[in-house]
Protein backbone atom coordinates (compact mmCIF):
# COMPACT_ATOMS: atom_id res chain seq x y z
CA MET A 1 -4.92 22.78 -51.27
CA ALA A 2 -8.50 23.80 -51.39
CA ASN A 3 -7.53 25.59 -54.65
CA LYS A 4 -6.08 22.63 -55.67
CA TYR A 5 -9.15 20.50 -54.96
CA GLN A 6 -11.34 23.09 -56.46
CA GLN A 7 -9.30 23.02 -60.08
CA LEU A 8 -9.77 19.05 -59.84
CA ASN A 9 -13.64 19.50 -59.17
CA SER A 10 -13.85 21.79 -62.44
CA LYS A 11 -12.06 19.35 -64.76
CA LYS A 12 -14.63 16.46 -63.35
CA LEU A 13 -11.54 14.64 -61.86
CA LEU A 14 -12.94 14.53 -58.31
CA HIS A 15 -15.72 12.83 -57.09
CA GLY A 16 -17.33 13.41 -53.73
CA THR A 17 -17.52 16.83 -51.77
CA ILE A 18 -14.17 19.11 -51.11
CA LYS A 19 -14.80 18.61 -47.19
CA ARG A 20 -14.76 14.62 -47.54
CA ALA A 21 -11.32 14.69 -49.85
CA ILE A 22 -9.65 16.96 -47.21
CA ALA A 23 -10.90 14.82 -44.48
CA LEU A 24 -9.18 12.03 -46.13
CA ARG A 25 -5.90 13.50 -47.05
CA GLU A 26 -5.49 14.67 -43.52
CA LYS A 27 -6.28 11.04 -42.25
CA ARG A 28 -3.68 9.40 -44.85
CA ASP A 29 -1.07 12.22 -43.74
CA GLN A 30 -1.49 11.16 -39.98
CA LEU A 31 -1.13 7.27 -40.61
CA ASN A 32 1.91 8.14 -42.97
CA ALA A 33 3.52 10.69 -40.14
CA ARG A 34 6.60 9.17 -38.29
CA ILE A 35 6.06 8.16 -34.81
CA GLU A 36 7.77 9.62 -32.39
CA PRO A 37 9.41 7.16 -29.73
CA GLN A 38 7.91 8.09 -25.90
CA ARG A 39 11.03 8.80 -23.83
CA ALA A 40 10.90 7.81 -20.31
CA GLN A 41 9.22 10.25 -17.86
CA PHE A 42 11.40 10.24 -14.62
CA VAL A 43 10.00 10.79 -10.92
CA PRO A 44 12.13 12.20 -8.21
CA LEU A 45 13.28 9.70 -5.71
CA GLU A 46 13.37 10.15 -2.29
CA LEU A 47 16.54 10.29 -0.32
CA SER A 48 16.92 7.85 2.76
CA ASP A 49 17.73 9.08 6.29
CA LYS A 50 21.41 8.22 5.48
CA ASP A 51 21.68 9.99 2.22
CA ALA A 52 19.88 13.05 3.31
CA LEU A 53 22.47 13.55 6.08
CA ALA A 54 24.97 12.78 3.91
CA VAL A 55 24.15 15.96 1.67
CA GLN A 56 23.64 18.10 4.58
CA ASP A 57 26.91 17.65 5.70
CA LEU A 58 28.44 18.32 2.50
CA ALA A 59 26.23 21.56 2.02
CA ARG A 60 26.94 22.82 5.59
CA LYS A 61 30.79 22.56 5.10
CA ASP A 62 30.48 24.02 1.62
CA ARG A 63 28.67 26.91 2.99
CA PRO A 64 29.57 27.45 6.77
CA ARG A 65 28.00 30.94 7.17
CA VAL A 66 24.42 29.62 6.09
CA ARG A 67 21.91 29.68 9.16
CA ARG A 68 18.88 29.08 7.50
CA TRP A 69 18.55 25.26 6.04
CA VAL A 70 15.29 22.88 5.23
CA SER A 71 15.32 19.45 4.71
CA ALA A 72 17.55 17.95 2.05
CA GLY A 73 15.41 16.36 -0.98
CA PRO A 74 15.67 15.04 -4.42
CA THR A 75 16.22 16.85 -7.50
CA LEU A 76 15.75 15.97 -11.51
CA THR A 77 18.58 18.69 -12.19
CA ARG A 78 21.98 17.01 -13.18
CA HIS A 79 24.79 18.58 -11.55
CA ASP A 80 28.70 18.30 -11.81
CA ASP A 81 29.16 16.85 -8.12
CA GLY A 82 25.81 14.84 -7.70
CA TRP A 83 24.69 17.43 -5.50
CA ASP A 84 24.23 21.22 -4.59
CA VAL A 85 22.03 23.68 -3.19
CA GLU A 86 18.77 25.57 -4.11
CA GLU A 87 17.58 28.33 -2.74
CA ILE A 88 13.95 28.66 -1.34
CA ASN A 89 11.41 31.73 -1.07
CA GLY A 90 10.49 32.11 2.51
CA GLY A 91 8.27 34.97 2.32
CA ASN A 92 9.06 38.34 3.72
CA TYR A 93 9.96 39.37 7.24
CA LYS A 94 7.23 40.83 9.59
CA GLY A 95 7.02 44.38 10.72
CA ARG A 96 9.27 47.20 9.12
CA TRP A 97 11.50 44.58 7.35
CA ASN A 98 8.62 43.09 5.63
CA ARG A 99 10.25 44.50 2.08
CA PHE A 100 12.99 41.96 2.75
CA PRO A 101 12.68 38.60 1.32
CA ILE A 102 13.62 35.51 3.18
CA THR A 103 15.69 33.10 1.69
CA ASP A 104 16.02 29.12 2.80
CA LYS A 105 18.84 26.97 1.38
CA ALA A 106 17.96 23.60 0.54
CA PRO A 107 20.70 20.68 -0.01
CA VAL A 108 19.70 18.67 -2.89
CA LEU A 109 20.58 15.47 -4.49
CA THR A 110 20.24 14.07 -7.91
CA SER A 111 18.28 11.40 -7.45
CA TYR A 112 15.21 10.30 -10.12
CA ALA A 113 13.99 6.69 -11.11
CA HIS A 114 11.98 5.58 -13.93
CA ALA A 115 9.83 1.79 -13.33
CA PHE A 116 8.92 -0.36 -15.83
CA GLU A 117 6.46 -2.95 -14.73
CA SER A 118 9.29 -5.74 -14.64
CA ARG A 119 12.65 -3.28 -14.11
CA ILE A 120 13.50 -0.04 -12.73
CA ILE A 121 16.30 2.44 -14.06
CA ALA A 122 17.56 4.94 -11.47
CA ARG A 123 20.31 7.32 -11.04
CA VAL A 124 21.51 8.55 -7.54
CA GLY A 125 24.38 11.45 -7.57
CA LEU A 126 26.63 10.43 -10.33
CA VAL A 127 25.96 6.63 -10.70
CA PHE A 128 23.32 4.70 -12.52
CA TYR A 129 21.54 2.17 -11.22
CA LYS A 130 19.25 -1.12 -13.47
CA PHE A 131 17.64 -4.14 -12.44
CA ARG A 132 14.64 -6.26 -12.59
CA ALA A 133 11.82 -6.62 -9.65
CA PRO A 134 11.89 -9.33 -7.55
CA LYS A 135 9.76 -12.42 -8.13
CA GLY A 136 6.08 -12.08 -7.70
CA TYR A 137 6.78 -8.22 -7.33
CA ILE A 138 5.99 -5.15 -9.90
CA PHE A 139 7.27 -1.64 -10.26
CA GLY A 140 4.95 1.34 -10.96
CA LYS A 141 4.73 4.81 -10.48
CA ASP A 142 2.17 7.26 -9.02
CA ASN A 143 2.09 10.79 -7.77
CA LEU A 144 4.06 9.81 -4.92
CA GLY A 145 7.26 8.53 -6.77
CA VAL A 146 8.10 4.88 -7.67
CA TYR A 147 6.66 1.78 -5.89
CA VAL A 148 6.75 -1.72 -5.70
CA VAL A 149 4.15 -4.18 -4.78
CA ARG A 150 2.68 -7.73 -5.20
CA LYS A 151 1.33 -8.62 -8.69
CA LYS A 152 -2.12 -8.88 -7.38
CA GLU A 153 -2.31 -6.60 -4.77
CA LYS A 154 -4.99 -3.92 -5.24
CA ARG A 155 -4.73 -1.66 -2.26
CA LEU A 156 -3.08 1.40 -2.54
CA ASN A 157 -1.85 1.48 1.48
CA PHE A 158 0.23 -1.74 0.47
CA ARG A 159 2.52 0.07 -2.29
CA LEU A 160 5.95 0.51 -0.71
CA HIS A 161 7.51 3.71 -2.29
CA LEU A 162 11.40 3.28 -2.75
CA ASN A 163 14.15 5.91 -1.61
CA THR A 164 17.82 5.79 -2.56
CA GLY A 165 18.76 3.04 0.17
CA HIS A 166 16.33 0.28 -1.56
CA ILE A 167 18.12 1.36 -4.85
CA LYS A 168 21.97 1.82 -3.75
CA ASN A 169 21.87 -1.53 -1.72
CA SER A 170 24.42 -4.27 -2.73
CA THR A 171 21.71 -6.62 -3.18
CA PRO A 172 18.57 -4.42 -4.16
CA LYS A 173 16.54 -7.12 -5.40
CA ILE A 174 16.59 -8.98 -1.79
CA GLU A 175 16.33 -5.79 -0.08
CA ILE A 176 13.44 -4.69 -1.65
CA ARG A 177 11.40 -7.69 -1.28
CA ARG A 178 12.48 -7.96 2.59
CA ALA A 179 11.14 -4.00 2.75
CA CYS A 180 7.96 -5.09 1.36
CA ILE A 181 7.15 -7.91 3.48
CA ALA A 182 7.60 -5.77 6.72
CA HIS A 183 5.67 -3.04 5.02
CA GLU A 184 2.68 -5.46 4.30
CA ARG A 185 3.01 -6.61 7.93
CA ILE A 186 2.75 -3.10 9.28
CA GLN A 187 -0.47 -2.44 7.20
CA ARG A 188 -2.14 -5.56 8.65
CA LYS A 189 -1.32 -4.37 11.98
CA ALA A 190 -2.31 -0.78 11.64
CA ALA A 191 -5.66 -2.14 10.06
CA LYS A 192 -5.99 -4.42 12.82
CA ILE A 193 -5.38 -1.72 15.23
CA ALA A 194 -7.93 0.60 13.49
CA ARG A 195 -10.87 -2.22 13.49
CA ALA A 196 -10.45 -2.44 17.20
CA THR A 197 -10.40 1.35 17.91
CA GLU A 198 -13.26 2.28 15.56
CA LYS A 199 -16.15 2.24 18.16
CA GLN A 200 -13.84 5.13 20.24
CA SER A 201 -12.99 7.41 17.43
CA ARG A 202 -15.71 9.66 17.95
CA GLN A 203 -14.78 9.92 21.74
CA ASN A 204 -11.57 10.30 20.92
CA ARG A 205 -12.15 12.98 18.55
CA LEU A 206 -14.32 15.24 20.82
CA ILE A 207 -11.78 14.85 23.75
CA ALA A 208 -8.59 15.51 21.34
CA GLN A 209 -10.36 18.72 19.89
CA LYS A 210 -10.83 20.06 23.38
CA PHE A 211 -7.46 20.48 23.89
CA GLY A 212 -5.95 20.54 20.26
CA VAL A 213 -4.53 17.94 17.92
CA TRP A 214 -1.11 18.24 16.60
CA ILE A 215 0.35 16.14 13.71
CA THR A 216 3.88 14.79 12.91
CA ALA A 217 5.39 12.82 10.37
CA GLN A 218 5.29 10.08 12.98
CA ASP A 219 1.82 9.73 12.90
CA SER A 220 1.71 8.97 9.13
CA TYR A 221 4.11 6.04 9.68
CA ARG A 222 2.36 4.78 12.47
CA SER A 223 -1.20 4.50 10.40
CA GLY A 224 1.02 2.85 8.12
CA ASN A 225 2.32 4.97 5.27
CA CYS A 226 6.13 4.54 4.04
CA ARG A 227 8.81 7.12 4.81
CA SER A 228 9.04 7.82 1.23
CA GLY A 229 5.50 8.58 0.51
CA THR A 230 5.11 10.50 3.18
CA LYS A 231 8.13 12.94 2.67
CA THR A 232 7.25 13.35 -1.34
CA TRP A 233 3.59 13.96 -0.24
CA GLY A 234 4.71 16.11 2.43
CA ALA A 235 7.76 18.36 0.28
CA ARG A 236 4.60 18.79 -2.23
CA TYR A 237 2.84 21.05 -0.03
CA LYS A 238 5.43 22.55 1.82
CA LEU A 239 5.25 20.22 4.98
CA PHE A 240 8.77 19.14 6.60
CA ALA A 241 9.18 15.79 8.29
CA HIS A 242 10.64 17.57 11.52
CA LYS A 243 8.09 19.83 12.57
CA ARG A 244 4.62 19.32 14.04
CA TYR A 245 1.39 20.97 12.39
CA PRO A 246 -1.96 21.48 13.63
CA ALA A 247 -5.32 19.56 12.63
CA ARG A 248 -6.78 21.98 10.99
CA VAL A 249 -3.48 22.21 8.37
CA ILE A 250 -4.15 18.78 7.45
CA LYS A 251 -7.74 18.65 7.05
CA ARG A 252 -7.28 21.08 4.08
CA LEU A 253 -5.78 18.17 2.40
CA LEU A 254 -8.07 15.27 3.17
CA LYS A 255 -8.78 15.37 -0.98
CA THR A 256 -5.21 14.99 -1.71
CA HIS A 257 -4.87 11.52 -1.02
CA ASP A 258 -6.73 9.01 0.68
CA SER A 259 -4.49 8.02 3.89
CA VAL A 260 -4.75 11.72 5.20
CA VAL A 261 -7.97 10.32 6.79
CA ARG A 262 -5.83 7.42 8.66
CA VAL A 263 -3.15 9.77 9.84
CA ILE A 264 -5.81 12.50 11.55
CA ALA A 265 -7.46 9.22 13.64
CA THR A 266 -4.06 8.51 14.61
CA ALA A 267 -2.79 11.52 15.92
CA GLU A 268 -5.98 11.74 17.67
CA ALA A 269 -5.48 8.29 19.57
CA ARG A 270 -2.16 9.12 20.41
CA THR A 271 -3.51 12.59 21.49
CA VAL A 272 -5.96 10.72 24.15
CA ALA A 273 -2.82 8.44 25.23
CA GLU A 274 -0.91 11.92 25.97
CA ILE A 275 -3.69 13.18 27.73
CA GLU A 276 -4.04 10.13 30.17
CA ALA A 277 -0.34 9.77 30.81
CA GLY A 278 -0.56 13.48 31.73
CA PHE A 279 2.51 14.81 29.06
CA CYS A 280 3.38 15.27 25.56
CA MET A 281 5.12 12.74 23.69
CA ILE A 282 5.97 15.03 20.43
CA ASP A 283 8.48 17.23 21.92
CA GLY A 284 8.98 16.10 25.42
CA LYS A 285 7.53 19.40 27.41
CA MET A 286 6.09 19.09 30.81
CA PRO A 287 2.10 18.55 31.08
CA SER A 288 0.05 21.70 31.40
CA LYS A 289 -1.86 22.28 34.50
CA GLU A 290 -5.51 21.60 32.73
CA LEU A 291 -3.97 17.95 31.45
CA ILE A 292 -2.62 16.95 34.93
CA LYS A 293 -6.25 18.12 36.26
CA TYR A 294 -8.38 15.80 33.82
CA GLY A 295 -5.70 12.61 33.95
CA LYS A 296 -8.01 10.03 33.59
CA ASN A 297 -11.04 11.62 35.09
CA TRP A 298 -12.76 12.87 31.88
CA PRO A 299 -15.51 15.04 31.86
CA ALA A 300 -18.70 14.02 30.81
CA ILE A 301 -19.12 14.17 27.11
């Protein structure tokens, strides 16, 4: 193309510089280029407890000899039956068997969705769903999935992340509106409790650190987080809802989401309540002698 412009310039048919002419030509080509339509970007739609149990039962019946199972989850991949079993690398065995890998099996259900502001398109299994948002609410997408929130609501913790139970309901608009109202009540109650216990947070932190803090999915629910968002966030960092983790593991993820601080504070308050009661409310184990010794008589801190 440069030679063509040089010939025009030599014949005195071109005014201006060659670089300027090339730049104008590229600009015209961009304006005349065909604009490709932007396709919908689907995101995984978290499974409800009912659907997770159903796909787990199907997977266990299909592969009865498998013993290492992990929690069921969604997938963007389309399967003929709507579900399948995926393999997850669990590392290697310890000791002299360290050259052998550990393979976990994860039942997955085809479940994804795309949300516009006023409507949502989703697929669960082999069935497609499409409906509009309830009056006064809008849909949206973030790094935790598809959510619904009131139109003028700006607080992130008031977003209710949807799961397959909301989508598959016979009256999804009514179900989503009811779930949103319930979620807003939980958020207001959690904020009220947080303000009331703000002065005790430092003392709780010191007492809880003395005995150790373990965090579960129930702590996230108590702090006001929705179930779908909690499961999606946990799956991203290989944290499972049926397990418990020490606080140091969760503290490494403080920058990943704003609600992690509230979850840790809730777990610390629960740990203090367990120490006062003299037993652990996570797995029902007998209280240790050290907890029974202290009870409500705290050492000076």
